[in-house]
């Protein structure tokens, strides 16, 4: 079990060293920059979509509350008329 953890740690360390070396390379760095740029763009789009959906749901909830309260008052009026 301990040997497996050592192998996994060594593989992770080697991958980290290779990634650090590759990012300093003039050929790999522009690709990494483009990848990060695309990731940030995707994050911004996702946040924008989330905010739009959040506002739509909030609007729907407000409309449901208004409609629910009008239904309750209508039912109350009908009940009051029936008992009178």
Protein backbone atom coordinates (compact mmCIF):
# COMPACT_ATOMS: atom_id res chain seq x y z
CA UNK A 1 0.00 0.00 0.00
CA UNK A 2 2.78 2.44 0.89
CA UNK A 3 4.63 1.61 -2.32
CA UNK A 4 1.53 2.51 -4.35
CA UNK A 5 1.29 5.90 -2.66
CA UNK A 6 4.97 6.56 -3.32
CA UNK A 7 4.52 5.69 -7.01
CA UNK A 8 1.48 7.97 -7.29
CA UNK A 9 3.35 10.80 -5.55
CA UNK A 10 6.38 10.34 -7.83
CA UNK A 11 4.18 10.33 -10.93
CA UNK A 12 2.41 13.50 -9.77
CA UNK A 13 5.71 15.21 -9.01
CA UNK A 14 7.09 14.24 -12.42
CA UNK A 15 3.95 15.52 -14.15
CA UNK A 16 4.23 18.80 -12.23
CA UNK A 17 7.87 19.25 -13.23
CA UNK A 18 7.07 18.47 -16.87
CA UNK A 19 4.10 20.88 -16.85
CA UNK A 20 6.27 23.63 -15.37
CA UNK A 21 8.93 23.02 -17.99
CA UNK A 22 6.39 22.89 -20.81
CA UNK A 23 4.76 26.18 -19.78
CA UNK A 24 8.13 27.90 -20.08
CA UNK A 25 8.46 26.59 -23.64
CA UNK A 26 7.82 29.15 -26.37
CA UNK A 27 5.68 26.65 -28.29
CA UNK A 28 3.46 25.48 -25.44
CA UNK A 29 2.94 28.79 -23.63
CA UNK A 30 0.72 30.41 -26.34
CA UNK A 31 -1.50 27.32 -26.38
CA UNK A 32 -1.77 27.42 -22.59
CA UNK A 33 -2.66 31.12 -22.70
CA UNK A 34 -5.39 30.46 -25.30
CA UNK A 35 -6.75 27.60 -23.20
CA UNK A 36 -6.94 29.76 -20.08
CA UNK A 37 -8.51 32.60 -22.09
CA UNK A 38 -11.19 30.24 -23.41
CA UNK A 39 -11.80 28.94 -19.89
CA UNK A 40 -12.30 32.45 -18.55
CA UNK A 41 -14.64 33.26 -21.43
CA UNK A 42 -16.68 30.14 -20.70
CA UNK A 43 -16.83 31.06 -17.00
CA UNK A 44 -18.08 34.56 -17.82
CA UNK A 45 -20.75 33.16 -20.15
CA UNK A 46 -21.86 30.67 -17.51
CA UNK A 47 -22.13 33.37 -14.83
CA UNK A 48 -24.15 35.57 -17.21
CA UNK A 49 -26.54 32.71 -18.00
CA UNK A 50 -26.90 31.89 -14.30
CA UNK A 51 -27.77 35.48 -13.42
CA UNK A 52 -30.37 35.62 -16.21
CA UNK A 53 -32.00 32.39 -15.09
CA UNK A 54 -31.91 33.55 -11.48
CA UNK A 55 -33.80 36.74 -12.40
CA UNK A 56 -36.35 34.74 -14.45
CA UNK A 57 -37.01 32.38 -11.55
CA UNK A 58 -37.34 35.30 -9.14
CA UNK A 59 -39.87 36.93 -11.48
CA UNK A 60 -41.84 33.69 -11.77
CA UNK A 61 -41.90 33.30 -8.00
CA UNK A 62 -43.21 36.86 -7.56
CA UNK A 63 -45.93 36.26 -10.16
CA UNK A 64 -46.91 33.01 -8.45
CA UNK A 65 -47.16 34.77 -5.09
CA UNK A 66 -49.34 37.52 -6.58
CA UNK A 67 -51.57 35.03 -8.33
CA UNK A 68 -51.71 32.85 -5.22
CA UNK A 69 -52.73 35.74 -3.01
CA UNK A 70 -55.41 36.82 -5.47
CA UNK A 71 -56.75 33.27 -5.54
CA UNK A 72 -56.82 33.15 -1.77
CA UNK A 73 -58.71 36.43 -1.53
CA UNK A 74 -61.14 35.26 -4.26
CA UNK A 75 -61.74 32.01 -2.36
CA UNK A 76 -62.24 33.97 0.85
CA UNK A 77 -64.82 36.19 -0.82
CA UNK A 78 -66.70 33.17 -2.21
CA UNK A 79 -66.68 31.47 1.20
CA UNK A 80 -67.91 34.67 2.87
CA UNK A 81 -70.73 35.00 0.34
CA UNK A 82 -71.77 31.37 0.80
CA UNK A 83 -71.93 31.67 4.59
CA UNK A 84 -73.85 34.95 4.47
